[in-house]
Amino acid sequence: MTVLPSNRHKNKTIAALLAFLLGGVGMQRLYLSGWRDPWLWLHLTSLPAAWLVAQLAPQADGFYKLLPVTLSILAGMLQALILGLTPDEKWDARYNAGSGRQSDTRWPVAVVLVASMMIGAGGLIATLSRLFDLLYTGGAYG
């Protein structure tokens, strides 16, 4: 996806932090590309999708009702890693072409990356474990 150059300088640490904290609703996509980003709208549709699952299958396990939101949050964690690991030169070429400034990422982005990796990996393992528990044992382990 091509990002149109903007005069506003976009900070990689802020983008990664938004993806880590609010990636489930796509705030990093809004910060980077604005309201026209289709991935932002996909993140935002996870909320009504979870509501729709809850309405159509009220007897379903709560895991299934929250699965669209959970997947959106996990995608946000993954994007925090991708954004934080992007080299500064590539970042500036993509998001800061018209700003006239260069990025100089320092250690705070590393903290965001470590937190994203810890919580994202743990969340992914927990999600897969619960999914397999429900699918293969009917929820016998919890």
N, C-alpha and C. Protein backbone atom coordinates (compact mmCIF):
# COMPACT_ATOMS: atom_id res chain seq x y z
N MET A 1 0.84 -1.17 0.00
CA MET A 1 0.00 0.00 0.00
C MET A 1 0.88 1.23 0.00
N THR A 2 0.63 2.17 -0.87
CA THR A 2 1.42 3.38 -0.96
C THR A 2 0.85 4.42 -0.01
N VAL A 3 1.74 5.02 0.75
CA VAL A 3 1.35 6.07 1.67
C VAL A 3 1.69 7.41 1.04
N LEU A 4 0.73 8.30 1.01
CA LEU A 4 0.96 9.62 0.45
C LEU A 4 1.85 10.43 1.38
N PRO A 5 2.85 11.15 0.83
CA PRO A 5 3.71 11.94 1.69
C PRO A 5 2.95 13.05 2.39
N SER A 6 3.37 13.32 3.59
CA SER A 6 2.72 14.34 4.40
C SER A 6 3.80 15.25 4.96
N ASN A 7 3.46 16.47 5.29
CA ASN A 7 4.42 17.38 5.90
C ASN A 7 4.61 17.09 7.38
N ARG A 8 3.72 16.32 7.96
CA ARG A 8 3.78 16.00 9.38
C ARG A 8 4.75 14.84 9.59
N HIS A 9 5.71 15.02 10.48
CA HIS A 9 6.68 13.97 10.78
C HIS A 9 6.02 12.92 11.68
N LYS A 10 6.14 11.66 11.30
CA LYS A 10 5.51 10.58 12.06
C LYS A 10 6.59 9.82 12.82
N ASN A 11 6.39 9.70 14.12
CA ASN A 11 7.36 9.09 15.01
C ASN A 11 7.14 7.59 15.06
N LYS A 12 8.21 6.82 14.85
CA LYS A 12 8.13 5.36 14.83
C LYS A 12 7.79 4.82 16.21
N THR A 13 8.32 5.41 17.26
CA THR A 13 8.04 4.93 18.62
C THR A 13 6.57 5.13 18.97
N ILE A 14 6.02 6.27 18.59
CA ILE A 14 4.60 6.52 18.86
C ILE A 14 3.73 5.54 18.08
N ALA A 15 4.08 5.29 16.83
CA ALA A 15 3.31 4.34 16.02
C ALA A 15 3.35 2.94 16.62
N ALA A 16 4.53 2.50 17.05
CA ALA A 16 4.66 1.17 17.66
C ALA A 16 3.91 1.11 18.99
N LEU A 17 3.97 2.19 19.77
CA LEU A 17 3.24 2.22 21.04
C LEU A 17 1.73 2.19 20.83
N LEU A 18 1.26 2.92 19.84
CA LEU A 18 -0.17 2.88 19.51
C LEU A 18 -0.60 1.49 19.07
N ALA A 19 0.25 0.83 18.28
CA ALA A 19 -0.07 -0.53 17.84
C ALA A 19 -0.10 -1.48 19.03
N PHE A 20 0.81 -1.29 19.97
CA PHE A 20 0.87 -2.14 21.16
C PHE A 20 -0.34 -1.92 22.07
N LEU A 21 -0.65 -0.67 22.35
CA LEU A 21 -1.72 -0.36 23.31
C LEU A 21 -3.11 -0.37 22.69
N LEU A 22 -3.25 0.16 21.49
CA LEU A 22 -4.57 0.32 20.88
C LEU A 22 -4.65 -0.31 19.49
N GLY A 23 -3.81 -1.30 19.25
CA GLY A 23 -3.79 -1.96 17.95
C GLY A 23 -5.06 -2.72 17.63
N GLY A 24 -5.80 -3.11 18.66
CA GLY A 24 -7.04 -3.84 18.44
C GLY A 24 -8.09 -3.02 17.73
N VAL A 25 -8.02 -1.71 17.85
CA VAL A 25 -8.97 -0.84 17.15
C VAL A 25 -8.28 -0.04 16.05
N GLY A 26 -7.01 -0.33 15.77
CA GLY A 26 -6.32 0.23 14.62
C GLY A 26 -5.83 1.66 14.76
N MET A 27 -5.57 2.13 15.96
CA MET A 27 -5.14 3.51 16.12
C MET A 27 -3.80 3.81 15.44
N GLN A 28 -2.92 2.80 15.33
CA GLN A 28 -1.66 3.01 14.62
C GLN A 28 -1.92 3.26 13.15
N ARG A 29 -2.93 2.61 12.60
CA ARG A 29 -3.28 2.81 11.19
C ARG A 29 -3.83 4.23 10.98
N LEU A 30 -4.63 4.70 11.93
CA LEU A 30 -5.16 6.05 11.84
C LEU A 30 -4.03 7.07 11.93
N TYR A 31 -3.09 6.85 12.84
CA TYR A 31 -1.95 7.76 13.00
C TYR A 31 -1.09 7.80 11.73
N LEU A 32 -0.87 6.66 11.11
CA LEU A 32 0.04 6.60 9.97
C LEU A 32 -0.61 6.97 8.65
N SER A 33 -1.84 6.52 8.42
CA SER A 33 -2.43 6.67 7.09
C SER A 33 -3.76 7.41 7.06
N GLY A 34 -4.36 7.62 8.19
CA GLY A 34 -5.63 8.34 8.21
C GLY A 34 -6.84 7.44 8.02
N TRP A 35 -7.99 8.08 7.84
CA TRP A 35 -9.26 7.36 7.77
C TRP A 35 -9.44 6.55 6.49
N ARG A 36 -8.62 6.77 5.48
CA ARG A 36 -8.79 6.05 4.21
C ARG A 36 -8.09 4.70 4.19
N ASP A 37 -7.44 4.35 5.26
CA ASP A 37 -6.71 3.08 5.33
C ASP A 37 -7.70 1.93 5.49
N PRO A 38 -7.74 0.98 4.55
CA PRO A 38 -8.70 -0.14 4.66
C PRO A 38 -8.42 -1.05 5.85
N TRP A 39 -7.15 -1.16 6.27
CA TRP A 39 -6.82 -2.01 7.42
C TRP A 39 -7.37 -1.41 8.71
N LEU A 40 -7.45 -0.09 8.77
CA LEU A 40 -8.08 0.56 9.93
C LEU A 40 -9.53 0.10 10.05
N TRP A 41 -10.23 0.09 8.93
CA TRP A 41 -11.63 -0.29 8.94
C TRP A 41 -11.81 -1.77 9.26
N LEU A 42 -10.85 -2.60 8.86
CA LEU A 42 -10.91 -4.01 9.23
C LEU A 42 -10.76 -4.18 10.74
N HIS A 43 -9.83 -3.42 11.34
CA HIS A 43 -9.70 -3.45 12.80
C HIS A 43 -10.99 -2.99 13.47
N LEU A 44 -11.55 -1.91 12.96
CA LEU A 44 -12.77 -1.37 13.58
C LEU A 44 -13.97 -2.31 13.43
N THR A 45 -14.01 -3.11 12.38
CA THR A 45 -15.13 -4.04 12.21
C THR A 45 -15.06 -5.21 13.18
N SER A 46 -13.94 -5.38 13.87
CA SER A 46 -13.86 -6.48 14.84
C SER A 46 -14.84 -6.27 16.00
N LEU A 47 -15.10 -5.03 16.35
CA LEU A 47 -16.05 -4.76 17.45
C LEU A 47 -17.48 -5.15 17.08
N PRO A 48 -18.03 -4.68 15.95
CA PRO A 48 -19.37 -5.14 15.58
C PRO A 48 -19.42 -6.63 15.26
N ALA A 49 -18.30 -7.18 14.76
CA ALA A 49 -18.28 -8.62 14.47
C ALA A 49 -18.42 -9.42 15.77
N ALA A 50 -17.74 -8.98 16.82
CA ALA A 50 -17.87 -9.66 18.12
C ALA A 50 -19.30 -9.54 18.64
N TRP A 51 -19.90 -8.38 18.49
CA TRP A 51 -21.29 -8.18 18.92
C TRP A 51 -22.22 -9.09 18.11
N LEU A 52 -21.97 -9.19 16.81
CA LEU A 52 -22.81 -10.03 15.95
C LEU A 52 -22.71 -11.50 16.34
N VAL A 53 -21.49 -11.96 16.63
CA VAL A 53 -21.32 -13.35 17.08
C VAL A 53 -22.09 -13.57 18.37
N ALA A 54 -22.01 -12.61 19.29
CA ALA A 54 -22.71 -12.74 20.57
C ALA A 54 -24.23 -12.77 20.38
N GLN A 55 -24.74 -12.02 19.40
CA GLN A 55 -26.18 -11.99 19.16
C GLN A 55 -26.67 -13.23 18.43
N LEU A 56 -25.88 -13.71 17.48
CA LEU A 56 -26.29 -14.87 16.68
C LEU A 56 -26.11 -16.20 17.41
N ALA A 57 -25.17 -16.23 18.34
CA ALA A 57 -24.91 -17.47 19.07
C ALA A 57 -24.77 -17.17 20.56
N PRO A 58 -25.88 -16.83 21.23
CA PRO A 58 -25.77 -16.46 22.65
C PRO A 58 -25.31 -17.61 23.54
N GLN A 59 -25.49 -18.83 23.10
CA GLN A 59 -25.08 -19.98 23.90
C GLN A 59 -23.60 -20.32 23.70
N ALA A 60 -22.93 -19.68 22.76
CA ALA A 60 -21.52 -19.98 22.46
C ALA A 60 -20.62 -19.56 23.61
N ASP A 61 -19.49 -20.21 23.70
CA ASP A 61 -18.50 -19.87 24.70
C ASP A 61 -18.04 -18.42 24.50
N GLY A 62 -17.71 -17.76 25.59
CA GLY A 62 -17.26 -16.37 25.52
C GLY A 62 -16.02 -16.19 24.66
N PHE A 63 -15.21 -17.22 24.57
CA PHE A 63 -14.02 -17.17 23.72
C PHE A 63 -14.41 -16.87 22.28
N TYR A 64 -15.42 -17.55 21.78
CA TYR A 64 -15.84 -17.34 20.40
C TYR A 64 -16.44 -15.95 20.20
N LYS A 65 -17.12 -15.46 21.22
CA LYS A 65 -17.73 -14.14 21.12
C LYS A 65 -16.66 -13.04 21.04
N LEU A 66 -15.54 -13.25 21.70
CA LEU A 66 -14.47 -12.27 21.69
C LEU A 66 -13.37 -12.55 20.67
N LEU A 67 -13.50 -13.62 19.91
CA LEU A 67 -12.46 -14.00 18.97
C LEU A 67 -12.15 -12.92 17.93
N PRO A 68 -13.13 -12.22 17.34
CA PRO A 68 -12.76 -11.16 16.38
C PRO A 68 -11.90 -10.06 17.01
N VAL A 69 -12.23 -9.67 18.22
CA VAL A 69 -11.45 -8.63 18.91
C VAL A 69 -10.07 -9.17 19.28
N THR A 70 -10.01 -10.41 19.73
CA THR A 70 -8.73 -11.02 20.10
C THR A 70 -7.80 -11.08 18.90
N LEU A 71 -8.31 -11.48 17.76
CA LEU A 71 -7.49 -11.54 16.55
C LEU A 71 -7.02 -10.15 16.13
N SER A 72 -7.86 -9.16 16.30
CA SER A 72 -7.48 -7.80 15.96
C SER A 72 -6.37 -7.30 16.90
N ILE A 73 -6.47 -7.63 18.18
CA ILE A 73 -5.44 -7.24 19.14
C ILE A 73 -4.12 -7.93 18.81
N LEU A 74 -4.17 -9.22 18.49
CA LEU A 74 -2.95 -9.94 18.13
C LEU A 74 -2.32 -9.37 16.86
N ALA A 75 -3.14 -8.96 15.90
CA ALA A 75 -2.62 -8.33 14.69
C ALA A 75 -1.96 -6.99 15.03
N GLY A 76 -2.53 -6.27 15.98
CA GLY A 76 -1.92 -5.01 16.42
C GLY A 76 -0.57 -5.24 17.07
N MET A 77 -0.45 -6.29 17.89
CA MET A 77 0.83 -6.64 18.50
C MET A 77 1.87 -6.98 17.44
N LEU A 78 1.46 -7.72 16.43
CA LEU A 78 2.37 -8.06 15.34
C LEU A 78 2.80 -6.81 14.59
N GLN A 79 1.87 -5.92 14.36
CA GLN A 79 2.23 -4.70 13.66
C GLN A 79 3.14 -3.81 14.50
N ALA A 80 3.00 -3.84 15.82
CA ALA A 80 3.93 -3.10 16.68
C ALA A 80 5.35 -3.59 16.46
N LEU A 81 5.51 -4.90 16.33
CA LEU A 81 6.84 -5.46 16.06
C LEU A 81 7.35 -5.03 14.68
N ILE A 82 6.49 -5.10 13.69
CA ILE A 82 6.90 -4.74 12.33
C ILE A 82 7.28 -3.26 12.26
N LEU A 83 6.47 -2.41 12.85
CA LEU A 83 6.75 -0.97 12.82
C LEU A 83 8.04 -0.65 13.58
N GLY A 84 8.20 -1.23 14.75
CA GLY A 84 9.37 -0.94 15.56
C GLY A 84 10.66 -1.45 14.96
N LEU A 85 10.61 -2.53 14.20
CA LEU A 85 11.82 -3.10 13.60
C LEU A 85 12.15 -2.54 12.23
N THR A 86 11.31 -1.68 11.70
CA THR A 86 11.59 -1.05 10.41
C THR A 86 12.78 -0.10 10.55
N PRO A 87 13.78 -0.24 9.67
CA PRO A 87 14.93 0.68 9.74
C PRO A 87 14.49 2.13 9.55
N ASP A 88 15.20 3.04 10.20
CA ASP A 88 14.83 4.46 10.15
C ASP A 88 14.80 5.01 8.73
N GLU A 89 15.73 4.59 7.89
CA GLU A 89 15.76 5.09 6.51
C GLU A 89 14.51 4.66 5.74
N LYS A 90 14.14 3.42 5.90
CA LYS A 90 12.93 2.92 5.23
C LYS A 90 11.68 3.58 5.81
N TRP A 91 11.67 3.79 7.13
CA TRP A 91 10.55 4.46 7.79
C TRP A 91 10.36 5.86 7.22
N ASP A 92 11.46 6.62 7.13
CA ASP A 92 11.37 7.98 6.62
C ASP A 92 10.95 8.02 5.16
N ALA A 93 11.44 7.07 4.37
CA ALA A 93 11.05 7.03 2.96
C ALA A 93 9.56 6.75 2.81
N ARG A 94 9.02 5.95 3.69
CA ARG A 94 7.61 5.57 3.56
C ARG A 94 6.66 6.58 4.21
N TYR A 95 6.96 7.02 5.42
CA TYR A 95 6.01 7.84 6.18
C TYR A 95 6.40 9.31 6.32
N ASN A 96 7.67 9.64 6.11
CA ASN A 96 8.12 11.02 6.35
C ASN A 96 8.79 11.64 5.14
N ALA A 97 8.36 11.26 3.96
CA ALA A 97 9.02 11.76 2.74
C ALA A 97 8.93 13.28 2.62
N GLY A 98 7.85 13.88 3.04
CA GLY A 98 7.68 15.32 2.88
C GLY A 98 7.92 16.12 4.14
N SER A 99 8.41 15.51 5.21
CA SER A 99 8.53 16.23 6.48
C SER A 99 9.80 17.05 6.59
N GLY A 100 10.84 16.69 5.86
CA GLY A 100 12.09 17.42 5.94
C GLY A 100 12.93 17.05 7.15
N ARG A 101 12.50 16.07 7.93
CA ARG A 101 13.25 15.62 9.11
C ARG A 101 13.60 14.15 8.95
N GLN A 102 14.61 13.72 9.71
CA GLN A 102 14.99 12.32 9.70
C GLN A 102 14.73 11.71 11.06
N SER A 103 14.32 10.47 11.07
CA SER A 103 14.06 9.76 12.32
C SER A 103 15.38 9.31 12.94
N ASP A 104 15.41 9.32 14.25
CA ASP A 104 16.56 8.81 14.99
C ASP A 104 15.99 8.03 16.17
N THR A 105 15.63 6.79 15.91
CA THR A 105 14.99 5.97 16.92
C THR A 105 15.98 5.58 18.00
N ARG A 106 15.55 5.69 19.22
CA ARG A 106 16.42 5.37 20.36
C ARG A 106 15.83 4.19 21.12
N TRP A 107 16.23 4.01 22.37
CA TRP A 107 15.87 2.82 23.15
C TRP A 107 14.40 2.68 23.51
N PRO A 108 13.57 3.75 23.60
CA PRO A 108 12.17 3.51 23.97
C PRO A 108 11.43 2.54 23.04
N VAL A 109 11.77 2.55 21.76
CA VAL A 109 11.11 1.62 20.85
C VAL A 109 11.47 0.18 21.20
N ALA A 110 12.66 -0.04 21.75
CA ALA A 110 13.05 -1.39 22.16
C ALA A 110 12.17 -1.88 23.31
N VAL A 111 11.80 -0.99 24.22
CA VAL A 111 10.91 -1.36 25.32
C VAL A 111 9.54 -1.76 24.78
N VAL A 112 9.06 -1.01 23.82
CA VAL A 112 7.77 -1.34 23.20
C VAL A 112 7.86 -2.69 22.48
N LEU A 113 8.98 -2.94 21.82
CA LEU A 113 9.16 -4.21 21.12
C LEU A 113 9.19 -5.39 22.08
N VAL A 114 9.89 -5.23 23.20
CA VAL A 114 9.96 -6.32 24.17
C VAL A 114 8.58 -6.59 24.77
N ALA A 115 7.86 -5.53 25.12
CA ALA A 115 6.52 -5.70 25.68
C ALA A 115 5.57 -6.33 24.66
N SER A 116 5.67 -5.90 23.40
CA SER A 116 4.82 -6.48 22.35
C SER A 116 5.12 -7.95 22.15
N MET A 117 6.39 -8.30 22.19
CA MET A 117 6.76 -9.69 22.00
C MET A 117 6.28 -10.55 23.16
N MET A 118 6.46 -10.06 24.38
CA MET A 118 6.04 -10.84 25.56
C MET A 118 4.53 -11.04 25.60
N ILE A 119 3.81 -9.96 25.53
CA ILE A 119 2.35 -10.03 25.66
C ILE A 119 1.72 -10.65 24.41
N GLY A 120 2.24 -10.28 23.23
CA GLY A 120 1.70 -10.84 21.99
C GLY A 120 1.91 -12.34 21.89
N ALA A 121 3.12 -12.80 22.21
CA ALA A 121 3.39 -14.25 22.14
C ALA A 121 2.57 -15.00 23.18
N GLY A 122 2.49 -14.44 24.38
CA GLY A 122 1.66 -15.08 25.41
C GLY A 122 0.20 -15.13 25.02
N GLY A 123 -0.29 -14.03 24.44
CA GLY A 123 -1.68 -13.99 23.99
C GLY A 123 -1.96 -14.95 22.85
N LEU A 124 -1.00 -15.07 21.94
CA LEU A 124 -1.17 -16.01 20.84
C LEU A 124 -1.19 -17.46 21.33
N ILE A 125 -0.29 -17.79 22.24
CA ILE A 125 -0.25 -19.15 22.80
C ILE A 125 -1.55 -19.44 23.56
N ALA A 126 -2.01 -18.48 24.36
CA ALA A 126 -3.26 -18.67 25.11
C ALA A 126 -4.46 -18.83 24.18
N THR A 127 -4.49 -18.02 23.12
CA THR A 127 -5.60 -18.10 22.17
C THR A 127 -5.62 -19.45 21.46
N LEU A 128 -4.46 -19.89 20.99
CA LEU A 128 -4.40 -21.19 20.32
C LEU A 128 -4.74 -22.33 21.28
N SER A 129 -4.25 -22.25 22.51
CA SER A 129 -4.54 -23.29 23.50
C SER A 129 -6.03 -23.39 23.77
N ARG A 130 -6.66 -22.24 23.99
CA ARG A 130 -8.10 -22.24 24.28
C ARG A 130 -8.91 -22.71 23.06
N LEU A 131 -8.49 -22.30 21.88
CA LEU A 131 -9.18 -22.72 20.66
C LEU A 131 -9.12 -24.24 20.51
N PHE A 132 -7.93 -24.81 20.67
CA PHE A 132 -7.81 -26.26 20.54
C PHE A 132 -8.54 -26.99 21.67
N ASP A 133 -8.54 -26.41 22.86
CA ASP A 133 -9.30 -27.01 23.97
C ASP A 133 -10.78 -27.06 23.63
N LEU A 134 -11.31 -25.97 23.12
CA LEU A 134 -12.74 -25.94 22.78
C LEU A 134 -13.07 -26.84 21.60
N LEU A 135 -12.21 -26.85 20.60
CA LEU A 135 -12.48 -27.63 19.40
C LEU A 135 -12.37 -29.14 19.63
N TYR A 136 -11.37 -29.55 20.39
CA TYR A 136 -11.08 -30.99 20.50
C TYR A 136 -11.60 -31.63 21.77
N THR A 137 -11.84 -30.86 22.83
CA THR A 137 -12.33 -31.47 24.07
C THR A 137 -13.65 -30.87 24.52
N GLY A 138 -14.12 -29.87 23.79
CA GLY A 138 -15.37 -29.23 24.18
C GLY A 138 -15.20 -28.33 25.40
N GLY A 139 -14.00 -27.94 25.71
CA GLY A 139 -13.75 -27.06 26.85
C GLY A 139 -13.52 -27.81 28.14
N ALA A 140 -13.07 -29.06 28.04
CA ALA A 140 -12.88 -29.88 29.25
C ALA A 140 -11.82 -29.33 30.18
N TYR A 141 -10.89 -28.53 29.67
CA TYR A 141 -9.80 -28.03 30.52
C TYR A 141 -10.02 -26.61 30.97
N GLY A 142 -11.20 -26.12 30.88
CA GLY A 142 -11.44 -24.75 31.37
C GLY A 142 -12.66 -24.23 30.81
